[in-house]
C-alpha atoms as a PDB file:
ATOM      1  CA  UNK A   1      99.441 112.181 115.712  1.00  0.00           C
ATOM      2  CA  UNK A   2      96.028 113.767 115.169  1.00  0.00           C
ATOM      3  CA  UNK A   3      95.130 117.299 116.211  1.00  0.00           C
ATOM      4  CA  UNK A   4      91.673 118.741 115.579  1.00  0.00           C
ATOM      5  CA  UNK A   5      91.034 115.910 113.134  1.00  0.00           C
ATOM      6  CA  UNK A   6      94.208 116.582 111.096  1.00  0.00           C
ATOM      7  CA  UNK A   7      96.729 113.761 110.806  1.00  0.00           C
ATOM      8  CA  UNK A   8     100.323 114.787 111.539  1.00  0.00           C
ATOM      9  CA  UNK A   9     102.864 112.119 110.543  1.00  0.00           C
ATOM     10  CA  UNK A  10     106.043 113.658 111.943  1.00  0.00           C
ATOM     11  CA  UNK A  11     108.557 110.872 111.102  1.00  0.00           C
ATOM     12  CA  UNK A  12     106.920 110.314 107.729  1.00  0.00           C
ATOM     13  CA  UNK A  13     107.047 114.011 106.859  1.00  0.00           C
ATOM     14  CA  UNK A  14     110.675 114.192 107.950  1.00  0.00           C
ATOM     15  CA  UNK A  15     111.503 111.219 105.712  1.00  0.00           C
ATOM     16  CA  UNK A  16     109.725 112.830 102.760  1.00  0.00           C
ATOM     17  CA  UNK A  17     111.559 116.131 103.175  1.00  0.00           C
ATOM     18  CA  UNK A  18     114.920 114.360 103.428  1.00  0.00           C
ATOM     19  CA  UNK A  19     114.105 111.836 100.668  1.00  0.00           C
ATOM     20  CA  UNK A  20     114.805 108.916 102.994  1.00  0.00           C
ATOM     21  CA  UNK A  21     113.245 105.600 103.881  1.00  0.00           C
ATOM     22  CA  UNK A  22     111.794 105.403 107.379  1.00  0.00           C
ATOM     23  CA  UNK A  23     110.758 102.814 109.939  1.00  0.00           C
ATOM     24  CA  UNK A  24     108.898 103.784 113.116  1.00  0.00           C
ATOM     25  CA  UNK A  25     108.114 101.838 116.261  1.00  0.00           C
ATOM     26  CA  UNK A  26     105.434 103.216 118.591  1.00  0.00           C
ATOM     27  CA  UNK A  27     105.524 102.242 122.258  1.00  0.00           C
ATOM     28  CA  UNK A  28     102.742 104.303 123.815  1.00  0.00           C
ATOM     29  CA  UNK A  29      99.935 106.734 123.040  1.00  0.00           C
ATOM     30  CA  UNK A  30      99.229 110.125 124.590  1.00  0.00           C
ATOM     31  CA  UNK A  31      96.553 112.802 124.556  1.00  0.00           C
ATOM     32  CA  UNK A  32      97.118 116.070 122.685  1.00  0.00           C
ATOM     33  CA  UNK A  33      96.110 118.952 124.954  1.00  0.00           C
ATOM     34  CA  UNK A  34      95.472 122.428 123.555  1.00  0.00           C
ATOM     35  CA  UNK A  35      94.237 125.220 125.815  1.00  0.00           C
ATOM     36  CA  UNK A  36      93.231 122.736 128.493  1.00  0.00           C
ATOM     37  CA  UNK A  37      91.101 120.687 126.084  1.00  0.00           C
ATOM     38  CA  UNK A  38      91.918 117.332 124.525  1.00  0.00           C
ATOM     39  CA  UNK A  39      92.071 117.912 120.773  1.00  0.00           C
ATOM     40  CA  UNK A  40      93.634 114.683 119.558  1.00  0.00           C
ATOM     41  CA  UNK A  41      95.963 111.788 120.275  1.00  0.00           C
ATOM     42  CA  UNK A  42      99.447 110.766 119.300  1.00  0.00           C
ATOM     43  CA  UNK A  43     101.960 107.948 119.575  1.00  0.00           C
ATOM     44  CA  UNK A  44     105.480 108.046 121.003  1.00  0.00           C
ATOM     45  CA  UNK A  45     108.392 105.896 119.867  1.00  0.00           C
ATOM     46  CA  UNK A  46     111.615 105.636 117.880  1.00  0.00           C
ATOM     47  CA  UNK A  47     112.320 106.211 114.203  1.00  0.00           C
ATOM     48  CA  UNK A  48     115.109 105.068 111.908  1.00  0.00           C
ATOM     49  CA  UNK A  49     115.726 106.924 108.633  1.00  0.00           C
ATOM     50  CA  UNK A  50     118.136 106.026 105.829  1.00  0.00           C
ATOM     51  CA  UNK A  51     118.952 107.164 102.293  1.00  0.00           C
ATOM     52  CA  UNK A  52     119.835 103.551 101.473  1.00  0.00           C
ATOM     53  CA  UNK A  53     117.117 100.865 101.320  1.00  0.00           C
ATOM     54  CA  UNK A  54     116.012  99.491 104.686  1.00  0.00           C
ATOM     55  CA  UNK A  55     115.556  95.730 105.075  1.00  0.00           C
ATOM     56  CA  UNK A  56     114.318  93.358 107.783  1.00  0.00           C
ATOM     57  CA  UNK A  57     113.161  96.088 110.158  1.00  0.00           C
ATOM     58  CA  UNK A  58     111.667  95.102 113.495  1.00  0.00           C
ATOM     59  CA  UNK A  59     110.797  96.668 116.835  1.00  0.00           C
ATOM     60  CA  UNK A  60     111.981  95.084 120.087  1.00  0.00           C
ATOM     61  CA  UNK A  61     110.298  96.088 123.347  1.00  0.00           C
ATOM     62  CA  UNK A  62     112.758  96.862 126.125  1.00  0.00           C
ATOM     63  CA  UNK A  63     112.108  95.527 129.641  1.00  0.00           C
ATOM     64  CA  UNK A  64     110.805  97.402 132.655  1.00  0.00           C
ATOM     65  CA  UNK A  65     112.207  96.803 136.131  1.00  0.00           C
ATOM     66  CA  UNK A  66     110.087  94.680 138.531  1.00  0.00           C
ATOM     67  CA  UNK A  67     107.601  96.736 140.515  1.00  0.00           C
ATOM     68  CA  UNK A  68     109.106  95.696 143.856  1.00  0.00           C
ATOM     69  CA  UNK A  69     112.556  97.062 142.946  1.00  0.00           C
ATOM     70  CA  UNK A  70     113.826 100.474 143.983  1.00  0.00           C
ATOM     71  CA  UNK A  71     113.736 103.169 141.315  1.00  0.00           C
ATOM     72  CA  UNK A  72     117.120 104.399 142.522  1.00  0.00           C
ATOM     73  CA  UNK A  73     119.168 103.085 145.462  1.00  0.00           C
ATOM     74  CA  UNK A  74     118.794 104.669 148.883  1.00  0.00           C
ATOM     75  CA  UNK A  75     121.159 107.626 149.083  1.00  0.00           C
ATOM     76  CA  UNK A  76     121.312 108.231 145.329  1.00  0.00           C
ATOM     77  CA  UNK A  77     121.127 111.826 144.156  1.00  0.00           C
ATOM     78  CA  UNK A  78     117.584 111.588 142.802  1.00  0.00           C
ATOM     79  CA  UNK A  79     114.140 112.524 144.211  1.00  0.00           C
ATOM     80  CA  UNK A  80     112.946 108.940 143.659  1.00  0.00           C
ATOM     81  CA  UNK A  81     115.827 107.369 145.598  1.00  0.00           C
ATOM     82  CA  UNK A  82     114.537 104.714 147.990  1.00  0.00           C
ATOM     83  CA  UNK A  83     111.093 104.534 146.340  1.00  0.00           C
ATOM     84  CA  UNK A  84     109.757 101.414 144.657  1.00  0.00           C
ATOM     85  CA  UNK A  85     108.332 101.280 141.158  1.00  0.00           C
ATOM     86  CA  UNK A  86     105.003 100.024 142.544  1.00  0.00           C
ATOM     87  CA  UNK A  87     104.304 103.457 144.000  1.00  0.00           C
ATOM     88  CA  UNK A  88     105.823 105.523 141.218  1.00  0.00           C
ATOM     89  CA  UNK A  89     103.903 108.129 139.265  1.00  0.00           C
ATOM     90  CA  UNK A  90     102.978 106.956 135.731  1.00  0.00           C
ATOM     91  CA  UNK A  91     105.023 109.876 134.375  1.00  0.00           C
ATOM     92  CA  UNK A  92     108.185 108.225 135.724  1.00  0.00           C
ATOM     93  CA  UNK A  93     107.685 104.980 133.824  1.00  0.00           C
ATOM     94  CA  UNK A  94     107.334 105.000 130.033  1.00  0.00           C
ATOM     95  CA  UNK A  95     107.571 101.993 127.705  1.00  0.00           C
ATOM     96  CA  UNK A  96     110.809 101.843 125.705  1.00  0.00           C
ATOM     97  CA  UNK A  97     111.926 100.044 122.548  1.00  0.00           C
ATOM     98  CA  UNK A  98     114.602  99.757 119.892  1.00  0.00           C
ATOM     99  CA  UNK A  99     114.008  99.869 116.121  1.00  0.00           C
ATOM    100  CA  UNK A 100     116.398  97.525 114.300  1.00  0.00           C
ATOM    101  CA  UNK A 101     117.047  97.245 110.568  1.00  0.00           C
ATOM    102  CA  UNK A 102     119.651  96.163 108.014  1.00  0.00           C
ATOM    103  CA  UNK A 103     121.001  98.942 105.783  1.00  0.00           C
ATOM    104  CA  UNK A 104     123.521  97.905 103.091  1.00  0.00           C
ATOM    105  CA  UNK A 105     125.120  95.217 105.233  1.00  0.00           C
ATOM    106  CA  UNK A 106     124.996  97.298 108.408  1.00  0.00           C
ATOM    107  CA  UNK A 107     122.737  96.427 111.348  1.00  0.00           C
ATOM    108  CA  UNK A 108     121.421  99.734 112.700  1.00  0.00           C
ATOM    109  CA  UNK A 109     119.412 100.419 115.829  1.00  0.00           C
ATOM    110  CA  UNK A 110     117.599 103.478 117.162  1.00  0.00           C
ATOM    111  CA  UNK A 111     116.729 103.411 120.860  1.00  0.00           C
ATOM    112  CA  UNK A 112     115.692 105.527 123.850  1.00  0.00           C
ATOM    113  CA  UNK A 113     116.262 104.261 127.388  1.00  0.00           C
ATOM    114  CA  UNK A 114     114.294 105.168 130.511  1.00  0.00           C
ATOM    115  CA  UNK A 115     114.935 108.660 131.865  1.00  0.00           C
ATOM    116  CA  UNK A 116     114.519 107.428 135.455  1.00  0.00           C
ATOM    117  CA  UNK A 117     115.876 104.263 137.042  1.00  0.00           C
ATOM    118  CA  UNK A 118     119.484 103.150 136.580  1.00  0.00           C
ATOM    119  CA  UNK A 119     118.490  99.545 137.305  1.00  0.00           C
ATOM    120  CA  UNK A 120     115.861  99.670 134.589  1.00  0.00           C
ATOM    121  CA  UNK A 121     118.394 101.113 132.139  1.00  0.00           C
ATOM    122  CA  UNK A 122     120.724  98.210 132.968  1.00  0.00           C
ATOM    123  CA  UNK A 123     118.026  95.713 131.958  1.00  0.00           C
ATOM    124  CA  UNK A 124     117.374  97.683 128.780  1.00  0.00           C
ATOM    125  CA  UNK A 125     121.072  97.868 127.884  1.00  0.00           C
ATOM    126  CA  UNK A 126     121.280  94.091 128.274  1.00  0.00           C
ATOM    127  CA  UNK A 127     118.261  93.663 125.995  1.00  0.00           C
ATOM    128  CA  UNK A 128     119.725  95.998 123.371  1.00  0.00           C
ATOM    129  CA  UNK A 129     123.006  94.086 123.293  1.00  0.00           C
ATOM    130  CA  UNK A 130     121.112  90.800 122.933  1.00  0.00           C
ATOM    131  CA  UNK A 131     118.839  92.193 120.194  1.00  0.00           C
ATOM    132  CA  UNK A 132     121.806  92.715 117.869  1.00  0.00           C
ATOM    133  CA  UNK A 133     122.857  89.062 118.278  1.00  0.00           C
ATOM    134  CA  UNK A 134     126.370  88.819 116.813  1.00  0.00           C
ATOM    135  CA  UNK A 135     125.659  91.239 113.961  1.00  0.00           C
ATOM    136  CA  UNK A 136     128.723  93.099 112.709  1.00  0.00           C
ATOM    137  CA  UNK A 137     129.138  95.742 111.434  1.00  0.00           C
ATOM    138  CA  UNK A 138     126.545  97.416 113.628  1.00  0.00           C
ATOM    139  CA  UNK A 139     125.716 100.892 114.884  1.00  0.00           C
ATOM    140  CA  UNK A 140     123.546 101.967 117.803  1.00  0.00           C
ATOM    141  CA  UNK A 141     122.099 105.485 117.745  1.00  0.00           C
ATOM    142  CA  UNK A 142     120.455 106.230 121.055  1.00  0.00           C
ATOM    143  CA  UNK A 143     119.409 108.540 123.824  1.00  0.00           C
ATOM    144  CA  UNK A 144     120.704 106.284 126.582  1.00  0.00           C
ATOM    145  CA  UNK A 145     119.861 108.776 129.336  1.00  0.00           C
ATOM    146  CA  UNK A 146     123.281 108.043 130.847  1.00  0.00           C
ATOM    147  CA  UNK A 147     126.911 108.878 130.255  1.00  0.00           C
ATOM    148  CA  UNK A 148     128.695 106.287 128.175  1.00  0.00           C
ATOM    149  CA  UNK A 149     130.771 105.228 131.208  1.00  0.00           C
ATOM    150  CA  UNK A 150     127.746 104.837 133.531  1.00  0.00           C
ATOM    151  CA  UNK A 151     127.595 101.464 135.393  1.00  0.00           C
ATOM    152  CA  UNK A 152     124.213 100.594 133.880  1.00  0.00           C
ATOM    153  CA  UNK A 153     125.702 100.675 130.368  1.00  0.00           C
ATOM    154  CA  UNK A 154     128.282  97.947 131.128  1.00  0.00           C
ATOM    155  CA  UNK A 155     126.434  95.495 128.789  1.00  0.00           C
ATOM    156  CA  UNK A 156     127.439  97.815 125.923  1.00  0.00           C
ATOM    157  CA  UNK A 157     131.044  98.301 127.090  1.00  0.00           C
ATOM    158  CA  UNK A 158     132.410  96.074 124.297  1.00  0.00           C
ATOM    159  CA  UNK A 159     131.031  98.481 121.697  1.00  0.00           C
ATOM    160  CA  UNK A 160     133.191 101.325 120.373  1.00  0.00           C
ATOM    161  CA  UNK A 161     132.353 104.818 121.608  1.00  0.00           C
ATOM    162  CA  UNK A 162     131.912 107.102 118.592  1.00  0.00           C
ATOM    163  CA  UNK A 163     132.800 110.167 120.626  1.00  0.00           C
ATOM    164  CA  UNK A 164     136.241 108.739 121.455  1.00  0.00           C
ATOM    165  CA  UNK A 165     137.497 110.631 118.373  1.00  0.00           C
ATOM    166  CA  UNK A 166     136.277 113.956 119.796  1.00  0.00           C
ATOM    167  CA  UNK A 167     138.943 116.343 120.992  1.00  0.00           C
ATOM    168  CA  UNK A 168     137.433 117.166 124.374  1.00  0.00           C
ATOM    169  CA  UNK A 169     134.677 116.065 126.724  1.00  0.00           C
ATOM    170  CA  UNK A 170     132.408 119.141 126.219  1.00  0.00           C
ATOM    171  CA  UNK A 171     132.024 118.017 122.613  1.00  0.00           C
ATOM    172  CA  UNK A 172     129.763 115.236 123.962  1.00  0.00           C
ATOM    173  CA  UNK A 173     127.194 117.581 125.534  1.00  0.00           C
ATOM    174  CA  UNK A 174     123.999 116.943 123.590  1.00  0.00           C
ATOM    175  CA  UNK A 175     121.208 118.553 125.622  1.00  0.00           C
ATOM    176  CA  UNK A 176     120.309 122.131 126.433  1.00  0.00           C
ATOM    177  CA  UNK A 177     120.932 121.472 130.145  1.00  0.00           C
ATOM    178  CA  UNK A 178     124.502 120.280 129.615  1.00  0.00           C
ATOM    179  CA  UNK A 179     124.140 116.485 129.695  1.00  0.00           C
ATOM    180  CA  UNK A 180     126.125 113.925 127.657  1.00  0.00           C
ATOM    181  CA  UNK A 181     123.482 111.218 127.263  1.00  0.00           C
ATOM    182  CA  UNK A 182     123.051 110.819 123.492  1.00  0.00           C
ATOM    183  CA  UNK A 183     125.472 108.174 122.227  1.00  0.00           C
ATOM    184  CA  UNK A 184     126.720 106.627 119.001  1.00  0.00           C
ATOM    185  CA  UNK A 185     128.187 103.152 119.499  1.00  0.00           C
ATOM    186  CA  UNK A 186     129.649 100.902 116.802  1.00  0.00           C
ATOM    187  CA  UNK A 187     130.895  97.365 116.303  1.00  0.00           C
ATOM    188  CA  UNK A 188     132.876  96.303 113.241  1.00  0.00           C
ATOM    189  CA  UNK A 189     132.943  99.894 112.027  1.00  0.00           C
ATOM    190  CA  UNK A 190     135.261 102.868 112.476  1.00  0.00           C
ATOM    191  CA  UNK A 191     134.286 106.451 113.318  1.00  0.00           C
ATOM    192  CA  UNK A 192     136.514 109.193 111.903  1.00  0.00           C
ATOM    193  CA  UNK A 193     134.466 112.133 113.186  1.00  0.00           C
ATOM    194  CA  UNK A 194     131.676 112.561 115.727  1.00  0.00           C
ATOM    195  CA  UNK A 195     130.237 115.842 116.956  1.00  0.00           C
ATOM    196  CA  UNK A 196     127.137 117.517 118.359  1.00  0.00           C
ATOM    197  CA  UNK A 197     125.548 119.994 115.938  1.00  0.00           C
ATOM    198  CA  UNK A 198     124.034 122.861 117.913  1.00  0.00           C
ATOM    199  CA  UNK A 199     122.802 124.844 114.912  1.00  0.00           C
ATOM    200  CA  UNK A 200     119.289 123.445 115.437  1.00  0.00           C
ATOM    201  CA  UNK A 201     118.812 125.924 118.274  1.00  0.00           C
ATOM    202  CA  UNK A 202     115.671 125.442 120.360  1.00  0.00           C
ATOM    203  CA  UNK A 203     113.840 123.016 118.048  1.00  0.00           C
ATOM    204  CA  UNK A 204     114.415 120.338 120.699  1.00  0.00           C
ATOM    205  CA  UNK A 205     115.963 119.955 124.133  1.00  0.00           C
ATOM    206  CA  UNK A 206     118.464 117.598 122.447  1.00  0.00           C
ATOM    207  CA  UNK A 207     120.916 118.433 119.674  1.00  0.00           C
ATOM    208  CA  UNK A 208     121.698 116.205 116.656  1.00  0.00           C
ATOM    209  CA  UNK A 209     124.838 114.078 116.544  1.00  0.00           C
ATOM    210  CA  UNK A 210     126.741 114.008 113.237  1.00  0.00           C
ATOM    211  CA  UNK A 211     129.332 111.293 112.574  1.00  0.00           C
ATOM    212  CA  UNK A 212     131.367 109.771 109.753  1.00  0.00           C
ATOM    213  CA  UNK A 213     131.202 105.964 110.006  1.00  0.00           C
ATOM    214  CA  UNK A 214     133.010 103.502 107.735  1.00  0.00           C
ATOM    215  CA  UNK A 215     132.623  99.722 107.673  1.00  0.00           C
ATOM    216  CA  UNK A 216     135.717  97.671 108.497  1.00  0.00           C
END
């Protein structure tokens, strides 16, 4: 991102401070507005960071629903229920992707699904599952914008839910408005602990997830 001519490499700076390797996949650009004036531009996407060497990284674009489909079914509890994507505001539809890489024999993915449109999330969940091929062990770290048991996440139902080791359901809440939409899913790996770390306070509207994962 650039602001007033200064380059701000947020994922790169985070990797440097943590002494990690980093891969970033941008999916769209946006204007930086300061005091009503455009002062720069930035890119939006997903990052994957690791203390171990990262190999064979790639970015896979996730699909968007056809424009003639409904954003949400008629009667759904959403302001866009019954509306078609063709008439949707641009703010409702953002490009999405997954960053994939191999880390010490583990296939890891970082993804962010659409915040609106359960049908679109279904297509994206299918694409994520396909992008891993038959890789195992594997871990998916993602803001899926849906509870792990949501119908649109059925393509990922064969994966293991990292939060299944948590003692109670509130332990899954990962946003400041009480939603459980950030998930850690594994295949060919075991999770001995998984929790939401709320010590970050108001740095983001989402809280970090911390987990202990071991390869089988």
